[in-house]
Amino acid sequence: MDWLPDFVAQHAASQSKLPREASALGAMRLFGTIGSDVFLTPSGDVWALAEVGDGEEWTPLTNVDRNAAICVALKRFPELVLLLPRRPTDASDCSTCQGAGRLREMTCHTCGGLGWVA
C-alpha cells in the first residue's frame, strides 16, 4: 500500500472544506450523506464523522463497515479495490445478498459489499 499516502494526499488537496480533524489525519473524503461523511486516511483506516445532537462524533470503522464504505467509494475511486480483502478459497457466497454485495440499492451489511463471507 505504498501508493496510498500519495493517493490520499492528492485527493484531499483537491477537496474543499475538509473538517479540521480530517485535515489533521491527512484524510480524504470518500463520500457523504445527510448527517455524515466518511474519510480514508493515508494508512488505510476509514473514519465516519456523524452529526450527533449539537455536535459531531468521529468513529473508526472496522471490518465489515470499512469494507462497505470502500465498496461504496469504488464508483468514484476504483483504485481503492486494492484495499479490499481477496476472497479466500474456502469463502462462501453471502446468504443475505446471494453473493451480489448489495440489497436493492444498499450495500449488504452482512458481507460489507464483498458478496462473500469467510
PDB file of N, CA and C in Angstrom:
ATOM      1  N   MET A   1       0.810  -1.188   0.000  1.00  0.00           N
ATOM      2  CA  MET A   1       0.000   0.000   0.000  1.00  0.00           C
ATOM      3  C   MET A   1       0.857   1.257   0.000  1.00  0.00           C
ATOM      4  N   ASP A   2       2.037   1.168  -0.563  1.00  0.00           N
ATOM      5  CA  ASP A   2       2.913   2.336  -0.588  1.00  0.00           C
ATOM      6  C   ASP A   2       2.371   3.448  -1.477  1.00  0.00           C
ATOM      7  N   TRP A   3       1.406   3.156  -2.327  1.00  0.00           N
ATOM      8  CA  TRP A   3       0.768   4.142  -3.196  1.00  0.00           C
ATOM      9  C   TRP A   3      -0.286   4.967  -2.461  1.00  0.00           C
ATOM     10  N   LEU A   4      -0.817   4.424  -1.379  1.00  0.00           N
ATOM     11  CA  LEU A   4      -1.971   5.024  -0.720  1.00  0.00           C
ATOM     12  C   LEU A   4      -1.713   6.414  -0.131  1.00  0.00           C
ATOM     13  N   PRO A   5      -0.623   6.669   0.586  1.00  0.00           N
ATOM     14  CA  PRO A   5      -0.434   8.017   1.132  1.00  0.00           C
ATOM     15  C   PRO A   5      -0.453   9.111   0.062  1.00  0.00           C
ATOM     16  N   ASP A   6       0.203   8.881  -1.067  1.00  0.00           N
ATOM     17  CA  ASP A   6       0.183   9.883  -2.141  1.00  0.00           C
ATOM     18  C   ASP A   6      -1.205  10.023  -2.747  1.00  0.00           C
ATOM     19  N   PHE A   7      -1.903   8.921  -2.925  1.00  0.00           N
ATOM     20  CA  PHE A   7      -3.261   8.933  -3.468  1.00  0.00           C
ATOM     21  C   PHE A   7      -4.181   9.756  -2.567  1.00  0.00           C
ATOM     22  N   VAL A   8      -4.133   9.495  -1.267  1.00  0.00           N
ATOM     23  CA  VAL A   8      -4.980  10.211  -0.306  1.00  0.00           C
ATOM     24  C   VAL A   8      -4.610  11.691  -0.280  1.00  0.00           C
ATOM     25  N   ALA A   9      -3.326  11.998  -0.235  1.00  0.00           N
ATOM     26  CA  ALA A   9      -2.893  13.401  -0.190  1.00  0.00           C
ATOM     27  C   ALA A   9      -3.353  14.158  -1.431  1.00  0.00           C
ATOM     28  N   GLN A  10      -3.223  13.547  -2.594  1.00  0.00           N
ATOM     29  CA  GLN A  10      -3.632  14.189  -3.846  1.00  0.00           C
ATOM     30  C   GLN A  10      -5.128  14.509  -3.834  1.00  0.00           C
ATOM     31  N   HIS A  11      -5.935  13.549  -3.414  1.00  0.00           N
ATOM     32  CA  HIS A  11      -7.378  13.770  -3.413  1.00  0.00           C
ATOM     33  C   HIS A  11      -7.808  14.724  -2.295  1.00  0.00           C
ATOM     34  N   ALA A  12      -7.170  14.630  -1.147  1.00  0.00           N
ATOM     35  CA  ALA A  12      -7.508  15.546  -0.052  1.00  0.00           C
ATOM     36  C   ALA A  12      -7.212  16.985  -0.456  1.00  0.00           C
ATOM     37  N   ALA A  13      -6.122  17.202  -1.183  1.00  0.00           N
ATOM     38  CA  ALA A  13      -5.755  18.556  -1.608  1.00  0.00           C
ATOM     39  C   ALA A  13      -6.778  19.149  -2.566  1.00  0.00           C
ATOM     40  N   SER A  14      -7.471  18.294  -3.298  1.00  0.00           N
ATOM     41  CA  SER A  14      -8.453  18.787  -4.267  1.00  0.00           C
ATOM     42  C   SER A  14      -9.858  18.911  -3.674  1.00  0.00           C
ATOM     43  N   GLN A  15     -10.039  18.469  -2.438  1.00  0.00           N
ATOM     44  CA  GLN A  15     -11.353  18.524  -1.811  1.00  0.00           C
ATOM     45  C   GLN A  15     -11.481  19.781  -0.964  1.00  0.00           C
ATOM     46  N   SER A  16     -12.570  20.472  -1.123  1.00  0.00           N
ATOM     47  CA  SER A  16     -12.755  21.718  -0.377  1.00  0.00           C
ATOM     48  C   SER A  16     -13.474  21.463   0.944  1.00  0.00           C
ATOM     49  N   LYS A  17     -13.214  22.326   1.876  1.00  0.00           N
ATOM     50  CA  LYS A  17     -13.907  22.342   3.166  1.00  0.00           C
ATOM     51  C   LYS A  17     -13.829  21.025   3.929  1.00  0.00           C
ATOM     52  N   LEU A  18     -12.647  20.453   4.022  1.00  0.00           N
ATOM     53  CA  LEU A  18     -12.485  19.257   4.848  1.00  0.00           C
ATOM     54  C   LEU A  18     -12.526  19.665   6.312  1.00  0.00           C
ATOM     55  N   PRO A  19     -13.166  18.887   7.163  1.00  0.00           N
ATOM     56  CA  PRO A  19     -13.166  19.200   8.590  1.00  0.00           C
ATOM     57  C   PRO A  19     -11.743  19.223   9.145  1.00  0.00           C
ATOM     58  N   ARG A  20     -11.538  20.000  10.160  1.00  0.00           N
ATOM     59  CA  ARG A  20     -10.214  20.141  10.789  1.00  0.00           C
ATOM     60  C   ARG A  20      -9.636  18.785  11.170  1.00  0.00           C
ATOM     61  N   GLU A  21     -10.470  17.907  11.738  1.00  0.00           N
ATOM     62  CA  GLU A  21      -9.995  16.589  12.169  1.00  0.00           C
ATOM     63  C   GLU A  21      -9.525  15.750  10.979  1.00  0.00           C
ATOM     64  N   ALA A  22     -10.236  15.854   9.860  1.00  0.00           N
ATOM     65  CA  ALA A  22      -9.830  15.113   8.659  1.00  0.00           C
ATOM     66  C   ALA A  22      -8.491  15.624   8.155  1.00  0.00           C
ATOM     67  N   SER A  23      -8.326  16.932   8.157  1.00  0.00           N
ATOM     68  CA  SER A  23      -7.047  17.512   7.734  1.00  0.00           C
ATOM     69  C   SER A  23      -5.922  17.069   8.662  1.00  0.00           C
ATOM     70  N   ALA A  24      -6.199  17.019   9.959  1.00  0.00           N
ATOM     71  CA  ALA A  24      -5.185  16.592  10.922  1.00  0.00           C
ATOM     72  C   ALA A  24      -4.779  15.139  10.693  1.00  0.00           C
ATOM     73  N   LEU A  25      -5.728  14.310  10.253  1.00  0.00           N
ATOM     74  CA  LEU A  25      -5.435  12.905   9.958  1.00  0.00           C
ATOM     75  C   LEU A  25      -4.796  12.731   8.583  1.00  0.00           C
ATOM     76  N   GLY A  26      -4.807  13.802   7.777  1.00  0.00           N
ATOM     77  CA  GLY A  26      -4.331  13.697   6.404  1.00  0.00           C
ATOM     78  C   GLY A  26      -5.302  12.928   5.537  1.00  0.00           C
ATOM     79  N   ALA A  27      -6.585  12.943   5.906  1.00  0.00           N
ATOM     80  CA  ALA A  27      -7.593  12.098   5.264  1.00  0.00           C
ATOM     81  C   ALA A  27      -8.269  12.784   4.087  1.00  0.00           C
ATOM     82  N   MET A  28      -8.798  11.967   3.205  1.00  0.00           N
ATOM     83  CA  MET A  28      -9.615  12.430   2.088  1.00  0.00           C
ATOM     84  C   MET A  28     -11.057  11.987   2.326  1.00  0.00           C
ATOM     85  N   ARG A  29     -12.000  12.747   1.779  1.00  0.00           N
ATOM     86  CA  ARG A  29     -13.413  12.375   1.884  1.00  0.00           C
ATOM     87  C   ARG A  29     -13.717  11.323   0.817  1.00  0.00           C
ATOM     88  N   LEU A  30     -14.303  10.216   1.253  1.00  0.00           N
ATOM     89  CA  LEU A  30     -14.740   9.179   0.315  1.00  0.00           C
ATOM     90  C   LEU A  30     -16.127   9.490  -0.221  1.00  0.00           C
ATOM     91  N   PHE A  31     -17.027   9.846   0.680  1.00  0.00           N
ATOM     92  CA  PHE A  31     -18.397  10.206   0.300  1.00  0.00           C
ATOM     93  C   PHE A  31     -19.097  10.788   1.514  1.00  0.00           C
ATOM     94  N   GLY A  32     -20.232  11.377   1.272  1.00  0.00           N
ATOM     95  CA  GLY A  32     -21.024  11.931   2.347  1.00  0.00           C
ATOM     96  C   GLY A  32     -22.501  11.676   2.116  1.00  0.00           C
ATOM     97  N   THR A  33     -23.240  11.650   3.194  1.00  0.00           N
ATOM     98  CA  THR A  33     -24.687  11.535   3.152  1.00  0.00           C
ATOM     99  C   THR A  33     -25.243  12.590   4.092  1.00  0.00           C
ATOM    100  N   ILE A  34     -26.544  12.677   4.182  1.00  0.00           N
ATOM    101  CA  ILE A  34     -27.139  13.647   5.097  1.00  0.00           C
ATOM    102  C   ILE A  34     -26.727  13.288   6.519  1.00  0.00           C
ATOM    103  N   GLY A  35     -26.009  14.179   7.161  1.00  0.00           N
ATOM    104  CA  GLY A  35     -25.620  13.990   8.551  1.00  0.00           C
ATOM    105  C   GLY A  35     -24.332  13.245   8.792  1.00  0.00           C
ATOM    106  N   SER A  36     -23.658  12.782   7.740  1.00  0.00           N
ATOM    107  CA  SER A  36     -22.394  12.085   7.975  1.00  0.00           C
ATOM    108  C   SER A  36     -21.504  12.117   6.736  1.00  0.00           C
ATOM    109  N   ASP A  37     -20.218  11.980   6.979  1.00  0.00           N
ATOM    110  CA  ASP A  37     -19.209  11.881   5.927  1.00  0.00           C
ATOM    111  C   ASP A  37     -18.264  10.746   6.303  1.00  0.00           C
ATOM    112  N   VAL A  38     -17.640  10.162   5.283  1.00  0.00           N
ATOM    113  CA  VAL A  38     -16.704   9.053   5.507  1.00  0.00           C
ATOM    114  C   VAL A  38     -15.362   9.427   4.895  1.00  0.00           C
ATOM    115  N   PHE A  39     -14.281   9.172   5.630  1.00  0.00           N
ATOM    116  CA  PHE A  39     -12.939   9.600   5.254  1.00  0.00           C
ATOM    117  C   PHE A  39     -11.962   8.426   5.270  1.00  0.00           C
ATOM    118  N   LEU A  40     -10.984   8.481   4.394  1.00  0.00           N
ATOM    119  CA  LEU A  40      -9.913   7.491   4.301  1.00  0.00           C
ATOM    120  C   LEU A  40      -8.597   8.157   4.665  1.00  0.00           C
ATOM    121  N   THR A  41      -7.850   7.529   5.569  1.00  0.00           N
ATOM    122  CA  THR A  41      -6.556   8.069   5.979  1.00  0.00           C
ATOM    123  C   THR A  41      -5.441   7.463   5.120  1.00  0.00           C
ATOM    124  N   PRO A  42      -4.260   8.059   5.155  1.00  0.00           N
ATOM    125  CA  PRO A  42      -3.133   7.515   4.377  1.00  0.00           C
ATOM    126  C   PRO A  42      -2.719   6.096   4.784  1.00  0.00           C
ATOM    127  N   SER A  43      -3.084   5.684   5.993  1.00  0.00           N
ATOM    128  CA  SER A  43      -2.736   4.327   6.442  1.00  0.00           C
ATOM    129  C   SER A  43      -3.796   3.297   6.062  1.00  0.00           C
ATOM    130  N   GLY A  44      -4.925   3.751   5.463  1.00  0.00           N
ATOM    131  CA  GLY A  44      -5.975   2.837   5.063  1.00  0.00           C
ATOM    132  C   GLY A  44      -7.121   2.719   6.048  1.00  0.00           C
ATOM    133  N   ASP A  45      -7.031   3.456   7.160  1.00  0.00           N
ATOM    134  CA  ASP A  45      -8.138   3.461   8.109  1.00  0.00           C
ATOM    135  C   ASP A  45      -9.289   4.274   7.531  1.00  0.00           C
ATOM    136  N   VAL A  46     -10.499   3.896   7.886  1.00  0.00           N
ATOM    137  CA  VAL A  46     -11.687   4.606   7.433  1.00  0.00           C
ATOM    138  C   VAL A  46     -12.423   5.110   8.669  1.00  0.00           C
ATOM    139  N   TRP A  47     -12.765   6.399   8.630  1.00  0.00           N
ATOM    140  CA  TRP A  47     -13.444   7.062   9.748  1.00  0.00           C
ATOM    141  C   TRP A  47     -14.751   7.663   9.278  1.00  0.00           C
ATOM    142  N   ALA A  48     -15.744   7.650  10.161  1.00  0.00           N
ATOM    143  CA  ALA A  48     -17.025   8.302   9.880  1.00  0.00           C
ATOM    144  C   ALA A  48     -17.166   9.506  10.798  1.00  0.00           C
ATOM    145  N   LEU A  49     -17.660  10.588  10.246  1.00  0.00           N
ATOM    146  CA  LEU A  49     -17.976  11.794  11.001  1.00  0.00           C
ATOM    147  C   LEU A  49     -19.484  11.972  10.926  1.00  0.00           C
ATOM    148  N   ALA A  50     -20.152  11.885  12.070  1.00  0.00           N
ATOM    149  CA  ALA A  50     -21.607  11.974  12.095  1.00  0.00           C
ATOM    150  C   ALA A  50     -22.053  13.111  12.991  1.00  0.00           C
ATOM    151  N   GLU A  51     -23.116  13.783  12.569  1.00  0.00           N
ATOM    152  CA  GLU A  51     -23.739  14.798  13.403  1.00  0.00           C
ATOM    153  C   GLU A  51     -24.507  14.075  14.494  1.00  0.00           C
ATOM    154  N   VAL A  52     -24.215  14.459  15.738  1.00  0.00           N
ATOM    155  CA  VAL A  52     -24.870  13.844  16.890  1.00  0.00           C
ATOM    156  C   VAL A  52     -25.335  14.968  17.796  1.00  0.00           C
ATOM    157  N   GLY A  53     -26.636  15.121  17.922  1.00  0.00           N
ATOM    158  CA  GLY A  53     -27.163  16.214  18.738  1.00  0.00           C
ATOM    159  C   GLY A  53     -26.670  17.545  18.212  1.00  0.00           C
ATOM    160  N   ASP A  54     -26.027  18.317  19.092  1.00  0.00           N
ATOM    161  CA  ASP A  54     -25.485  19.621  18.702  1.00  0.00           C
ATOM    162  C   ASP A  54     -24.028  19.557  18.266  1.00  0.00           C
ATOM    163  N   GLY A  55     -23.458  18.363  18.237  1.00  0.00           N
ATOM    164  CA  GLY A  55     -22.048  18.247  17.898  1.00  0.00           C
ATOM    165  C   GLY A  55     -21.789  17.220  16.808  1.00  0.00           C
ATOM    166  N   GLU A  56     -20.542  16.769  16.791  1.00  0.00           N
ATOM    167  CA  GLU A  56     -20.109  15.774  15.814  1.00  0.00           C
ATOM    168  C   GLU A  56     -19.360  14.671  16.535  1.00  0.00           C
ATOM    169  N   GLU A  57     -19.394  13.483  15.961  1.00  0.00           N
ATOM    170  CA  GLU A  57     -18.705  12.343  16.551  1.00  0.00           C
ATOM    171  C   GLU A  57     -17.896  11.626  15.487  1.00  0.00           C
ATOM    172  N   TRP A  58     -16.600  11.401  15.775  1.00  0.00           N
ATOM    173  CA  TRP A  58     -15.704  10.656  14.888  1.00  0.00           C
ATOM    174  C   TRP A  58     -15.663   9.211  15.351  1.00  0.00           C
ATOM    175  N   THR A  59     -15.841   8.287  14.412  1.00  0.00           N
ATOM    176  CA  THR A  59     -15.834   6.868  14.742  1.00  0.00           C
ATOM    177  C   THR A  59     -14.977   6.118  13.727  1.00  0.00           C
ATOM    178  N   PRO A  60     -14.007   5.330  14.198  1.00  0.00           N
ATOM    179  CA  PRO A  60     -13.258   4.499  13.254  1.00  0.00           C
ATOM    180  C   PRO A  60     -14.122   3.320  12.820  1.00  0.00           C
ATOM    181  N   LEU A  61     -14.111   3.020  11.537  1.00  0.00           N
ATOM    182  CA  LEU A  61     -14.874   1.880  11.034  1.00  0.00           C
ATOM    183  C   LEU A  61     -13.979   0.648  11.033  1.00  0.00           C
ATOM    184  N   THR A  62     -14.548  -0.462  11.370  1.00  0.00           N
ATOM    185  CA  THR A  62     -13.778  -1.700  11.408  1.00  0.00           C
ATOM    186  C   THR A  62     -14.437  -2.757  10.537  1.00  0.00           C
ATOM    187  N   ASN A  63     -13.658  -3.633  10.022  1.00  0.00           N
ATOM    188  CA  ASN A  63     -14.058  -4.818   9.266  1.00  0.00           C
ATOM    189  C   ASN A  63     -15.183  -4.586   8.265  1.00  0.00           C
ATOM    190  N   VAL A  64     -16.378  -5.073   8.573  1.00  0.00           N
ATOM    191  CA  VAL A  64     -17.475  -5.058   7.614  1.00  0.00           C
ATOM    192  C   VAL A  64     -17.827  -3.629   7.203  1.00  0.00           C
ATOM    193  N   ASP A  65     -17.903  -2.708   8.161  1.00  0.00           N
ATOM    194  CA  ASP A  65     -18.265  -1.325   7.837  1.00  0.00           C
ATOM    195  C   ASP A  65     -17.183  -0.646   7.001  1.00  0.00           C
ATOM    196  N   ARG A  66     -15.931  -0.939   7.277  1.00  0.00           N
ATOM    197  CA  ARG A  66     -14.831  -0.383   6.478  1.00  0.00           C
ATOM    198  C   ARG A  66     -14.924  -0.889   5.037  1.00  0.00           C
ATOM    199  N   ASN A  67     -15.111  -2.190   4.886  1.00  0.00           N
ATOM    200  CA  ASN A  67     -15.234  -2.760   3.541  1.00  0.00           C
ATOM    201  C   ASN A  67     -16.445  -2.184   2.813  1.00  0.00           C
ATOM    202  N   ALA A  68     -17.561  -2.031   3.529  1.00  0.00           N
ATOM    203  CA  ALA A  68     -18.768  -1.467   2.912  1.00  0.00           C
ATOM    204  C   ALA A  68     -18.507  -0.042   2.435  1.00  0.00           C
ATOM    205  N   ALA A  69     -17.824   0.753   3.240  1.00  0.00           N
ATOM    206  CA  ALA A  69     -17.522   2.133   2.847  1.00  0.00           C
ATOM    207  C   ALA A  69     -16.624   2.166   1.612  1.00  0.00           C
ATOM    208  N   ILE A  70     -15.638   1.294   1.567  1.00  0.00           N
ATOM    209  CA  ILE A  70     -14.747   1.248   0.402  1.00  0.00           C
ATOM    210  C   ILE A  70     -15.530   0.793  -0.830  1.00  0.00           C
ATOM    211  N   CYS A  71     -16.419  -0.190  -0.667  1.00  0.00           N
ATOM    212  CA  CYS A  71     -17.235  -0.641  -1.815  1.00  0.00           C
ATOM    213  C   CYS A  71     -18.094   0.499  -2.351  1.00  0.00           C
ATOM    214  N   VAL A  72     -18.662   1.299  -1.477  1.00  0.00           N
ATOM    215  CA  VAL A  72     -19.455   2.454  -1.918  1.00  0.00           C
ATOM    216  C   VAL A  72     -18.566   3.440  -2.669  1.00  0.00           C
ATOM    217  N   ALA A  73     -17.363   3.661  -2.163  1.00  0.00           N
ATOM    218  CA  ALA A  73     -16.445   4.648  -2.755  1.00  0.00           C
ATOM    219  C   ALA A  73     -15.840   4.184  -4.081  1.00  0.00           C
ATOM    220  N   LEU A  74     -15.943   2.902  -4.418  1.00  0.00           N
ATOM    221  CA  LEU A  74     -15.333   2.384  -5.645  1.00  0.00           C
ATOM    222  C   LEU A  74     -15.875   3.059  -6.900  1.00  0.00           C
ATOM    223  N   LYS A  75     -17.116   3.503  -6.878  1.00  0.00           N
ATOM    224  CA  LYS A  75     -17.681   4.177  -8.048  1.00  0.00           C
ATOM    225  C   LYS A  75     -16.885   5.430  -8.385  1.00  0.00           C
ATOM    226  N   ARG A  76     -16.443   6.106  -7.361  1.00  0.00           N
ATOM    227  CA  ARG A  76     -15.692   7.350  -7.549  1.00  0.00           C
ATOM    228  C   ARG A  76     -14.191   7.126  -7.593  1.00  0.00           C
ATOM    229  N   PHE A  77     -13.722   6.145  -6.838  1.00  0.00           N
ATOM    230  CA  PHE A  77     -12.291   5.876  -6.710  1.00  0.00           C
ATOM    231  C   PHE A  77     -12.014   4.383  -6.926  1.00  0.00           C
ATOM    232  N   PRO A  78     -12.058   3.905  -8.176  1.00  0.00           N
ATOM    233  CA  PRO A  78     -11.915   2.463  -8.435  1.00  0.00           C
ATOM    234  C   PRO A  78     -10.585   1.879  -7.964  1.00  0.00           C
ATOM    235  N   GLU A  79      -9.577   2.698  -7.819  1.00  0.00           N
ATOM    236  CA  GLU A  79      -8.261   2.210  -7.355  1.00  0.00           C
ATOM    237  C   GLU A  79      -8.337   1.601  -5.959  1.00  0.00           C
ATOM    238  N   LEU A  80      -9.342   1.992  -5.188  1.00  0.00           N
ATOM    239  CA  LEU A  80      -9.453   1.521  -3.810  1.00  0.00           C
ATOM    240  C   LEU A  80      -9.807   0.046  -3.709  1.00  0.00           C
ATOM    241  N   VAL A  81     -10.101  -0.596  -4.836  1.00  0.00           N
ATOM    242  CA  VAL A  81     -10.358  -2.032  -4.818  1.00  0.00           C
ATOM    243  C   VAL A  81      -9.154  -2.774  -4.213  1.00  0.00           C
ATOM    244  N   LEU A  82      -7.979  -2.180  -4.321  1.00  0.00           N
ATOM    245  CA  LEU A  82      -6.765  -2.797  -3.768  1.00  0.00           C
ATOM    246  C   LEU A  82      -6.779  -2.855  -2.242  1.00  0.00           C
ATOM    247  N   LEU A  83      -7.685  -2.097  -1.605  1.00  0.00           N
ATOM    248  CA  LEU A  83      -7.772  -2.098  -0.142  1.00  0.00           C
ATOM    249  C   LEU A  83      -8.712  -3.174   0.391  1.00  0.00           C
ATOM    250  N   LEU A  84      -9.460  -3.797  -0.509  1.00  0.00           N
ATOM    251  CA  LEU A  84     -10.402  -4.827  -0.078  1.00  0.00           C
ATOM    252  C   LEU A  84      -9.715  -6.179   0.035  1.00  0.00           C
ATOM    253  N   PRO A  85     -10.183  -7.016   0.955  1.00  0.00           N
ATOM    254  CA  PRO A  85      -9.574  -8.348   1.082  1.00  0.00           C
ATOM    255  C   PRO A  85      -9.899  -9.205  -0.137  1.00  0.00           C
ATOM    256  N   ARG A  86      -8.993 -10.111  -0.435  1.00  0.00           N
ATOM    257  CA  ARG A  86      -9.233 -11.073  -1.524  1.00  0.00           C
ATOM    258  C   ARG A  86     -10.072 -12.217  -0.973  1.00  0.00           C
ATOM    259  N   ARG A  87     -10.899 -12.741  -1.828  1.00  0.00           N
ATOM    260  CA  ARG A  87     -11.775 -13.833  -1.412  1.00  0.00           C
ATOM    261  C   ARG A  87     -10.952 -15.095  -1.170  1.00  0.00           C
ATOM    262  N   PRO A  88     -11.027 -15.635   0.045  1.00  0.00           N
ATOM    263  CA  PRO A  88     -10.327 -16.900   0.320  1.00  0.00           C
ATOM    264  C   PRO A  88     -10.991 -18.050  -0.441  1.00  0.00           C
ATOM    265  N   THR A  89     -10.246 -19.082  -0.699  1.00  0.00           N
ATOM    266  CA  THR A  89     -10.786 -20.219  -1.453  1.00  0.00           C
ATOM    267  C   THR A  89     -11.913 -20.922  -0.698  1.00  0.00           C
ATOM    268  N   ASP A  90     -11.906 -20.841   0.632  1.00  0.00           N
ATOM    269  CA  ASP A  90     -12.944 -21.512   1.421  1.00  0.00           C
ATOM    270  C   ASP A  90     -14.129 -20.609   1.756  1.00  0.00           C
ATOM    271  N   ALA A  91     -14.169 -19.397   1.208  1.00  0.00           N
ATOM    272  CA  ALA A  91     -15.284 -18.478   1.472  1.00  0.00           C
ATOM    273  C   ALA A  91     -16.526 -18.930   0.721  1.00  0.00           C
ATOM    274  N   SER A  92     -17.674 -18.598   1.289  1.00  0.00           N
ATOM    275  CA  SER A  92     -18.934 -18.916   0.615  1.00  0.00           C
ATOM    276  C   SER A  92     -19.674 -17.627   0.273  1.00  0.00           C
ATOM    277  N   ASP A  93     -20.545 -17.711  -0.720  1.00  0.00           N
ATOM    278  CA  ASP A  93     -21.352 -16.552  -1.068  1.00  0.00           C
ATOM    279  C   ASP A  93     -22.161 -16.120   0.150  1.00  0.00           C
ATOM    280  N   CYS A  94     -22.348 -14.839   0.288  1.00  0.00           N
ATOM    281  CA  CYS A  94     -23.140 -14.285   1.382  1.00  0.00           C
ATOM    282  C   CYS A  94     -24.587 -14.737   1.218  1.00  0.00           C
ATOM    283  N   SER A  95     -25.153 -15.303   2.266  1.00  0.00           N
ATOM    284  CA  SER A  95     -26.536 -15.790   2.187  1.00  0.00           C
ATOM    285  C   SER A  95     -27.547 -14.649   2.243  1.00  0.00           C
ATOM    286  N   THR A  96     -27.150 -13.494   2.737  1.00  0.00           N
ATOM    287  CA  THR A  96     -28.074 -12.363   2.809  1.00  0.00           C
ATOM    288  C   THR A  96     -28.307 -11.744   1.439  1.00  0.00           C
ATOM    289  N   CYS A  97     -27.222 -11.526   0.683  1.00  0.00           N
ATOM    290  CA  CYS A  97     -27.344 -10.863  -0.632  1.00  0.00           C
ATOM    291  C   CYS A  97     -27.144 -11.841  -1.795  1.00  0.00           C
ATOM    292  N   GLN A  98     -26.984 -13.130  -1.490  1.00  0.00           N
ATOM    293  CA  GLN A  98     -26.752 -14.171  -2.501  1.00  0.00           C
ATOM    294  C   GLN A  98     -25.534 -13.871  -3.376  1.00  0.00           C
ATOM    295  N   GLY A  99     -24.514 -13.269  -2.759  1.00  0.00           N
ATOM    296  CA  GLY A  99     -23.262 -13.025  -3.463  1.00  0.00           C
ATOM    297  C   GLY A  99     -23.206 -11.738  -4.257  1.00  0.00           C
ATOM    298  N   ALA A 100     -24.264 -10.944  -4.220  1.00  0.00           N
ATOM    299  CA  ALA A 100     -24.300  -9.698  -5.009  1.00  0.00           C
ATOM    300  C   ALA A 100     -23.570  -8.550  -4.334  1.00  0.00           C
ATOM    301  N   GLY A 101     -23.456  -8.595  -3.015  1.00  0.00           N
ATOM    302  CA  GLY A 101     -22.830  -7.496  -2.284  1.00  0.00           C
ATOM    303  C   GLY A 101     -23.778  -6.339  -2.020  1.00  0.00           C
ATOM    304  N   ARG A 102     -24.974  -6.410  -2.584  1.00  0.00           N
ATOM    305  CA  ARG A 102     -25.956  -5.338  -2.454  1.00  0.00           C
ATOM    306  C   ARG A 102     -27.342  -5.933  -2.218  1.00  0.00           C
ATOM    307  N   LEU A 103     -28.147  -5.177  -1.509  1.00  0.00           N
ATOM    308  CA  LEU A 103     -29.558  -5.485  -1.329  1.00  0.00           C
ATOM    309  C   LEU A 103     -30.320  -4.282  -1.862  1.00  0.00           C
ATOM    310  N   ARG A 104     -30.971  -4.487  -2.978  1.00  0.00           N
ATOM    311  CA  ARG A 104     -31.599  -3.385  -3.713  1.00  0.00           C
ATOM    312  C   ARG A 104     -30.526  -2.355  -4.008  1.00  0.00           C
ATOM    313  N   GLU A 105     -30.634  -1.162  -3.480  1.00  0.00           N
ATOM    314  CA  GLU A 105     -29.642  -0.116  -3.755  1.00  0.00           C
ATOM    315  C   GLU A 105     -28.682   0.100  -2.591  1.00  0.00           C
ATOM    316  N   MET A 106     -28.689  -0.794  -1.625  1.00  0.00           N
ATOM    317  CA  MET A 106     -27.865  -0.615  -0.437  1.00  0.00           C
ATOM    318  C   MET A 106     -26.780  -1.688  -0.355  1.00  0.00           C
ATOM    319  N   THR A 107     -25.646  -1.314   0.221  1.00  0.00           N
ATOM    320  CA  THR A 107     -24.557  -2.260   0.439  1.00  0.00           C
ATOM    321  C   THR A 107     -24.976  -3.260   1.508  1.00  0.00           C
ATOM    322  N   CYS A 108     -24.724  -4.516   1.265  1.00  0.00           N
ATOM    323  CA  CYS A 108     -25.063  -5.574   2.226  1.00  0.00           C
ATOM    324  C   CYS A 108     -24.216  -5.413   3.481  1.00  0.00           C
ATOM    325  N   HIS A 109     -24.875  -5.350   4.625  1.00  0.00           N
ATOM    326  CA  HIS A 109     -24.131  -5.184   5.870  1.00  0.00           C
ATOM    327  C   HIS A 109     -23.680  -6.509   6.482  1.00  0.00           C
ATOM    328  N   THR A 110     -24.084  -7.609   5.871  1.00  0.00           N
ATOM    329  CA  THR A 110     -23.583  -8.897   6.344  1.00  0.00           C
ATOM    330  C   THR A 110     -22.169  -9.131   5.824  1.00  0.00           C
ATOM    331  N   CYS A 111     -21.965  -8.882   4.540  1.00  0.00           N
ATOM    332  CA  CYS A 111     -20.654  -9.132   3.923  1.00  0.00           C
ATOM    333  C   CYS A 111     -19.871  -7.837   3.655  1.00  0.00           C
ATOM    334  N   GLY A 112     -20.467  -6.684   3.918  1.00  0.00           N
ATOM    335  CA  GLY A 112     -19.789  -5.426   3.680  1.00  0.00           C
ATOM    336  C   GLY A 112     -19.591  -5.113   2.200  1.00  0.00           C
ATOM    337  N   GLY A 113     -20.469  -5.654   1.364  1.00  0.00           N
ATOM    338  CA  GLY A 113     -20.400  -5.371  -0.061  1.00  0.00           C
ATOM    339  C   GLY A 113     -19.488  -6.311  -0.831  1.00  0.00           C
ATOM    340  N   LEU A 114     -18.848  -7.246  -0.155  1.00  0.00           N
ATOM    341  CA  LEU A 114     -17.915  -8.150  -0.819  1.00  0.00           C
ATOM    342  C   LEU A 114     -18.624  -9.262  -1.586  1.00  0.00           C
ATOM    343  N   GLY A 115     -19.802  -9.646  -1.113  1.00  0.00           N
ATOM    344  CA  GLY A 115     -20.529 -10.750  -1.740  1.00  0.00           C
ATOM    345  C   GLY A 115     -20.165 -12.113  -1.188  1.00  0.00           C
ATOM    346  N   TRP A 116     -19.251 -12.167  -0.263  1.00  0.00           N
ATOM    347  CA  TRP A 116     -18.820 -13.447   0.327  1.00  0.00           C
ATOM    348  C   TRP A 116     -18.512 -13.278   1.794  1.00  0.00           C
ATOM    349  N   VAL A 117     -18.515 -14.383   2.513  1.00  0.00           N
ATOM    350  CA  VAL A 117     -18.129 -14.409   3.924  1.00  0.00           C
ATOM    351  C   VAL A 117     -17.152 -15.556   4.121  1.00  0.00           C
ATOM    352  N   ALA A 118     -16.193 -15.331   4.980  1.00  0.00           N
ATOM    353  CA  ALA A 118     -15.178 -16.362   5.242  1.00  0.00           C
ATOM    354  C   ALA A 118     -15.641 -17.304   6.340  1.00  0.00           C
TER     355      ALA A 118
END
